[in-house]
Amino acid sequence: MVTKSDLAEPTLIEGWLRDMNLAPVRKPDAVNNWNVEFTIAAGSSPLAIAVVNPRTLPRAIMLVCGLAAAPEHMAAFKELSEELRREFWNQLRVTLNREWVEYQIEGVAVVECPKTVRVSAVRFDDGLTLDSFARTLSSVCKAAADAATHYTDRLGNSRQAARQGLAS
C-alpha cells in the first residue's frame, strides 16, 4: 500500500508512468510539493497532463489536464444565437459531468465562449495503486478529450455552418 512518505517525492508516480510507456518530466512548481508532466496521444492533438502533490493535501496526488479555446472557436461562438450558445454551455457541462473527475470552466456562461476547461481528479495514498492510478488517468483523459471534441464538433465547423445552426 502507498503511504504519505511514498508521495513525498514523485519517484513512484514517475515509475508508474514509465510502466505505462509515458515519458514523465519534472517541472518546477511553486504551489505544489512536486509536479510531473507528460503527454498522451489523443487523436490529432496530444493531451498535456500534470500529476501534482498539493501542499494542502500531502497524502494525495492530483491529475490535471487543461484545455484552452482556440481563437477560431471564440470567433465561431460569438456568431451563435443565444439559444445555441446556451446549448453549447449546457452540453459542455453534460460532457464533463462524470464520476471520478471534477471540472472548472472559465468564462461567463452563455455570454462568452468558455476560455479554458480544467479537468482533474484527486487520489489519496490509502487507495492508490498502479491500477487505480491508470483508471483515474483514463477518466481524466476521456473527459478532456470529450471536451476538446465538443469544441471541435460545435465550433470547429465553418462560421457559416455555425450561423445556420448546423454546429448544434
C-alpha atoms as a PDB file:
ATOM      1  CA  MET A   1       0.000   0.000   0.000  1.00  0.00           C
ATOM      2  CA  VAL A   2       1.173   3.513  -0.845  1.00  0.00           C
ATOM      3  CA  THR A   3       1.877   5.784   2.124  1.00  0.00           C
ATOM      4  CA  LYS A   4       2.290   9.516   2.631  1.00  0.00           C
ATOM      5  CA  SER A   5       6.076   9.087   2.593  1.00  0.00           C
ATOM      6  CA  ASP A   6       5.821   7.385  -0.835  1.00  0.00           C
ATOM      7  CA  LEU A   7       4.311  10.611  -2.156  1.00  0.00           C
ATOM      8  CA  ALA A   8       6.936  12.928  -0.647  1.00  0.00           C
ATOM      9  CA  GLU A   9       8.845  12.629  -3.940  1.00  0.00           C
ATOM     10  CA  PRO A  10       7.448  11.862  -7.419  1.00  0.00           C
ATOM     11  CA  THR A  11       9.602   8.739  -7.904  1.00  0.00           C
ATOM     12  CA  LEU A  12       6.747   6.214  -7.522  1.00  0.00           C
ATOM     13  CA  ILE A  13       4.462   8.110  -9.920  1.00  0.00           C
ATOM     14  CA  GLU A  14       7.281   8.554 -12.450  1.00  0.00           C
ATOM     15  CA  GLY A  15       7.884   4.803 -12.347  1.00  0.00           C
ATOM     16  CA  TRP A  16       4.199   4.068 -12.920  1.00  0.00           C
ATOM     17  CA  LEU A  17       4.118   6.485 -15.851  1.00  0.00           C
ATOM     18  CA  ARG A  18       7.144   4.762 -17.392  1.00  0.00           C
ATOM     19  CA  ASP A  19       5.409   1.393 -16.817  1.00  0.00           C
ATOM     20  CA  MET A  20       2.536   2.793 -18.902  1.00  0.00           C
ATOM     21  CA  ASN A  21       5.010   3.798 -21.634  1.00  0.00           C
ATOM     22  CA  LEU A  22       4.703   7.508 -20.875  1.00  0.00           C
ATOM     23  CA  ALA A  23       7.591   9.967 -20.511  1.00  0.00           C
ATOM     24  CA  PRO A  24       7.345  11.946 -17.252  1.00  0.00           C
ATOM     25  CA  VAL A  25       9.168  15.265 -16.931  1.00  0.00           C
ATOM     26  CA  ARG A  26       9.579  17.034 -13.588  1.00  0.00           C
ATOM     27  CA  LYS A  27       8.558  20.681 -13.653  1.00  0.00           C
ATOM     28  CA  PRO A  28       9.229  23.411 -11.092  1.00  0.00           C
ATOM     29  CA  ASP A  29       6.079  24.319  -9.196  1.00  0.00           C
ATOM     30  CA  ALA A  30       5.713  26.977  -6.509  1.00  0.00           C
ATOM     31  CA  VAL A  31       2.225  25.830  -5.445  1.00  0.00           C
ATOM     32  CA  ASN A  32       2.707  22.048  -5.111  1.00  0.00           C
ATOM     33  CA  ASN A  33       5.277  19.821  -3.437  1.00  0.00           C
ATOM     34  CA  TRP A  34       6.125  18.405  -6.869  1.00  0.00           C
ATOM     35  CA  ASN A  35       4.841  18.395 -10.432  1.00  0.00           C
ATOM     36  CA  VAL A  36       5.351  15.768 -13.146  1.00  0.00           C
ATOM     37  CA  GLU A  37       4.079  16.381 -16.668  1.00  0.00           C
ATOM     38  CA  PHE A  38       3.611  14.079 -19.673  1.00  0.00           C
ATOM     39  CA  THR A  39       1.575  13.871 -22.858  1.00  0.00           C
ATOM     40  CA  ILE A  40      -0.938  11.321 -24.072  1.00  0.00           C
ATOM     41  CA  ALA A  41      -1.763  10.831 -27.739  1.00  0.00           C
ATOM     42  CA  ALA A  42      -5.404  11.792 -28.278  1.00  0.00           C
ATOM     43  CA  GLY A  43      -6.278  11.999 -31.926  1.00  0.00           C
ATOM     44  CA  SER A  44      -4.724  14.923 -33.756  1.00  0.00           C
ATOM     45  CA  SER A  45      -3.784  16.846 -30.589  1.00  0.00           C
ATOM     46  CA  PRO A  46      -1.959  15.264 -27.665  1.00  0.00           C
ATOM     47  CA  LEU A  47      -3.227  15.969 -24.163  1.00  0.00           C
ATOM     48  CA  ALA A  48      -0.783  17.506 -21.695  1.00  0.00           C
ATOM     49  CA  ILE A  49      -1.358  16.059 -18.228  1.00  0.00           C
ATOM     50  CA  ALA A  50       0.208  17.013 -14.915  1.00  0.00           C
ATOM     51  CA  VAL A  51       0.380  14.920 -11.767  1.00  0.00           C
ATOM     52  CA  VAL A  52       0.976  17.048  -8.693  1.00  0.00           C
ATOM     53  CA  ASN A  53       1.259  16.525  -4.962  1.00  0.00           C
ATOM     54  CA  PRO A  54      -0.587  19.533  -3.497  1.00  0.00           C
ATOM     55  CA  ARG A  55       0.972  21.183  -0.458  1.00  0.00           C
ATOM     56  CA  THR A  56      -2.508  21.388   1.065  1.00  0.00           C
ATOM     57  CA  LEU A  57      -3.070  17.608   0.553  1.00  0.00           C
ATOM     58  CA  PRO A  58       0.286  15.879   1.116  1.00  0.00           C
ATOM     59  CA  ARG A  59      -1.399  12.445   1.205  1.00  0.00           C
ATOM     60  CA  ALA A  60      -2.842  12.951  -2.271  1.00  0.00           C
ATOM     61  CA  ILE A  61      -1.969  13.279  -5.895  1.00  0.00           C
ATOM     62  CA  MET A  62      -3.984  15.274  -8.388  1.00  0.00           C
ATOM     63  CA  LEU A  63      -4.130  14.584 -12.113  1.00  0.00           C
ATOM     64  CA  VAL A  64      -4.876  17.749 -14.100  1.00  0.00           C
ATOM     65  CA  CYS A  65      -5.497  18.469 -17.776  1.00  0.00           C
ATOM     66  CA  GLY A  66      -6.251  21.946 -19.033  1.00  0.00           C
ATOM     67  CA  LEU A  67      -7.709  22.974 -22.371  1.00  0.00           C
ATOM     68  CA  ALA A  68      -7.941  26.433 -23.927  1.00  0.00           C
ATOM     69  CA  ALA A  69     -10.374  27.565 -26.591  1.00  0.00           C
ATOM     70  CA  ALA A  70      -8.728  28.288 -29.932  1.00  0.00           C
ATOM     71  CA  PRO A  71      -9.219  31.768 -31.420  1.00  0.00           C
ATOM     72  CA  GLU A  72     -11.385  30.301 -34.188  1.00  0.00           C
ATOM     73  CA  HIS A  73     -13.633  28.685 -31.558  1.00  0.00           C
ATOM     74  CA  MET A  74     -14.029  32.014 -29.773  1.00  0.00           C
ATOM     75  CA  ALA A  75     -14.926  33.721 -33.053  1.00  0.00           C
ATOM     76  CA  ALA A  76     -17.407  30.990 -34.056  1.00  0.00           C
ATOM     77  CA  PHE A  77     -19.046  31.122 -30.610  1.00  0.00           C
ATOM     78  CA  LYS A  78     -19.697  34.869 -30.978  1.00  0.00           C
ATOM     79  CA  GLU A  79     -21.674  34.185 -34.144  1.00  0.00           C
ATOM     80  CA  LEU A  80     -24.024  31.699 -32.479  1.00  0.00           C
ATOM     81  CA  SER A  81     -27.506  32.697 -31.412  1.00  0.00           C
ATOM     82  CA  GLU A  82     -28.158  32.949 -27.680  1.00  0.00           C
ATOM     83  CA  GLU A  83     -30.046  29.651 -27.843  1.00  0.00           C
ATOM     84  CA  LEU A  84     -27.089  27.862 -29.467  1.00  0.00           C
ATOM     85  CA  ARG A  85     -24.637  29.448 -27.021  1.00  0.00           C
ATOM     86  CA  ARG A  86     -26.787  28.227 -24.119  1.00  0.00           C
ATOM     87  CA  GLU A  87     -26.922  24.758 -25.678  1.00  0.00           C
ATOM     88  CA  PHE A  88     -23.127  24.781 -26.118  1.00  0.00           C
ATOM     89  CA  TRP A  89     -22.577  25.556 -22.421  1.00  0.00           C
ATOM     90  CA  ASN A  90     -25.173  23.019 -21.257  1.00  0.00           C
ATOM     91  CA  GLN A  91     -23.791  20.253 -23.448  1.00  0.00           C
ATOM     92  CA  LEU A  92     -20.234  21.025 -22.321  1.00  0.00           C
ATOM     93  CA  ARG A  93     -21.328  20.564 -18.695  1.00  0.00           C
ATOM     94  CA  VAL A  94     -23.118  17.310 -19.594  1.00  0.00           C
ATOM     95  CA  THR A  95     -19.972  16.116 -21.383  1.00  0.00           C
ATOM     96  CA  LEU A  96     -17.787  16.832 -18.352  1.00  0.00           C
ATOM     97  CA  ASN A  97     -20.190  15.682 -15.638  1.00  0.00           C
ATOM     98  CA  ARG A  98     -18.993  12.166 -14.836  1.00  0.00           C
ATOM     99  CA  GLU A  99     -17.818  10.091 -11.929  1.00  0.00           C
ATOM    100  CA  TRP A 100     -14.249  10.348 -10.696  1.00  0.00           C
ATOM    101  CA  VAL A 101     -13.427  13.717 -12.252  1.00  0.00           C
ATOM    102  CA  GLU A 102     -14.018  17.346 -11.391  1.00  0.00           C
ATOM    103  CA  TYR A 103     -14.013  20.242 -13.813  1.00  0.00           C
ATOM    104  CA  GLN A 104     -13.762  24.015 -13.851  1.00  0.00           C
ATOM    105  CA  ILE A 105     -14.872  26.192 -16.747  1.00  0.00           C
ATOM    106  CA  GLU A 106     -13.562  29.741 -17.084  1.00  0.00           C
ATOM    107  CA  GLY A 107     -15.867  32.206 -18.766  1.00  0.00           C
ATOM    108  CA  VAL A 108     -19.222  33.884 -18.346  1.00  0.00           C
ATOM    109  CA  ALA A 109     -21.846  31.253 -19.113  1.00  0.00           C
ATOM    110  CA  VAL A 110     -23.771  31.805 -22.328  1.00  0.00           C
ATOM    111  CA  VAL A 111     -22.297  35.298 -22.817  1.00  0.00           C
ATOM    112  CA  GLU A 112     -18.821  34.189 -23.887  1.00  0.00           C
ATOM    113  CA  CYS A 113     -17.081  31.099 -25.197  1.00  0.00           C
ATOM    114  CA  PRO A 114     -15.612  29.070 -22.351  1.00  0.00           C
ATOM    115  CA  LYS A 115     -11.989  30.267 -22.368  1.00  0.00           C
ATOM    116  CA  THR A 116     -10.499  27.298 -20.536  1.00  0.00           C
ATOM    117  CA  VAL A 117     -11.602  23.966 -19.163  1.00  0.00           C
ATOM    118  CA  ARG A 118      -9.695  22.200 -16.415  1.00  0.00           C
ATOM    119  CA  VAL A 119     -10.357  18.511 -15.735  1.00  0.00           C
ATOM    120  CA  SER A 120      -8.908  16.986 -12.561  1.00  0.00           C
ATOM    121  CA  ALA A 121      -9.098  14.041 -10.205  1.00  0.00           C
ATOM    122  CA  VAL A 122      -7.664  13.501  -6.730  1.00  0.00           C
ATOM    123  CA  ARG A 123      -6.418  10.175  -5.358  1.00  0.00           C
ATOM    124  CA  PHE A 124      -5.317   9.615  -1.758  1.00  0.00           C
ATOM    125  CA  ASP A 125      -2.486   7.354  -0.680  1.00  0.00           C
ATOM    126  CA  ASP A 126      -4.724   4.798   1.065  1.00  0.00           C
ATOM    127  CA  GLY A 127      -6.411   3.787  -2.212  1.00  0.00           C
ATOM    128  CA  LEU A 128      -3.606   4.460  -4.644  1.00  0.00           C
ATOM    129  CA  THR A 129      -2.267   1.587  -6.729  1.00  0.00           C
ATOM    130  CA  LEU A 130      -0.915   1.426 -10.257  1.00  0.00           C
ATOM    131  CA  ASP A 131      -4.308   0.094 -11.346  1.00  0.00           C
ATOM    132  CA  SER A 132      -6.320   2.856  -9.616  1.00  0.00           C
ATOM    133  CA  PHE A 133      -3.881   5.464 -10.932  1.00  0.00           C
ATOM    134  CA  ALA A 134      -4.277   4.162 -14.504  1.00  0.00           C
ATOM    135  CA  ARG A 135      -8.078   4.159 -14.219  1.00  0.00           C
ATOM    136  CA  THR A 136      -8.112   7.703 -12.861  1.00  0.00           C
ATOM    137  CA  LEU A 137      -5.769   8.838 -15.619  1.00  0.00           C
ATOM    138  CA  SER A 138      -8.106   7.236 -18.153  1.00  0.00           C
ATOM    139  CA  SER A 139     -11.096   9.083 -16.676  1.00  0.00           C
ATOM    140  CA  VAL A 140      -9.313  12.448 -16.841  1.00  0.00           C
ATOM    141  CA  CYS A 141      -8.132  11.815 -20.411  1.00  0.00           C
ATOM    142  CA  LYS A 142     -11.574  10.753 -21.636  1.00  0.00           C
ATOM    143  CA  ALA A 143     -13.264  13.788 -20.094  1.00  0.00           C
ATOM    144  CA  ALA A 144     -10.648  16.184 -21.510  1.00  0.00           C
ATOM    145  CA  ALA A 145     -10.718  14.570 -24.960  1.00  0.00           C
ATOM    146  CA  ASP A 146     -14.519  14.676 -24.994  1.00  0.00           C
ATOM    147  CA  ALA A 147     -14.445  18.376 -24.069  1.00  0.00           C
ATOM    148  CA  ALA A 148     -11.969  19.080 -26.880  1.00  0.00           C
ATOM    149  CA  THR A 149     -14.201  17.163 -29.289  1.00  0.00           C
ATOM    150  CA  HIS A 150     -17.182  19.209 -28.106  1.00  0.00           C
ATOM    151  CA  TYR A 151     -15.393  22.424 -29.121  1.00  0.00           C
ATOM    152  CA  THR A 152     -14.331  20.981 -32.469  1.00  0.00           C
ATOM    153  CA  ASP A 153     -17.713  19.490 -33.315  1.00  0.00           C
ATOM    154  CA  ARG A 154     -19.721  22.530 -32.266  1.00  0.00           C
ATOM    155  CA  LEU A 155     -17.369  25.372 -33.128  1.00  0.00           C
ATOM    156  CA  GLY A 156     -14.750  23.924 -35.458  1.00  0.00           C
ATOM    157  CA  ASN A 157     -17.062  23.882 -38.471  1.00  0.00           C
ATOM    158  CA  SER A 158     -17.183  26.886 -40.738  1.00  0.00           C
ATOM    159  CA  ARG A 159     -18.690  30.078 -39.370  1.00  0.00           C
ATOM    160  CA  GLN A 160     -21.418  29.766 -41.969  1.00  0.00           C
ATOM    161  CA  ALA A 161     -22.456  26.379 -40.537  1.00  0.00           C
ATOM    162  CA  ALA A 162     -22.476  27.869 -37.042  1.00  0.00           C
ATOM    163  CA  ARG A 163     -24.710  30.734 -38.182  1.00  0.00           C
ATOM    164  CA  GLN A 164     -27.110  28.248 -39.754  1.00  0.00           C
ATOM    165  CA  GLY A 165     -27.283  26.202 -36.569  1.00  0.00           C
ATOM    166  CA  LEU A 166     -25.534  23.202 -38.101  1.00  0.00           C
ATOM    167  CA  ALA A 167     -22.923  23.244 -35.363  1.00  0.00           C
ATOM    168  CA  SER A 168     -25.514  22.097 -32.841  1.00  0.00           C
END
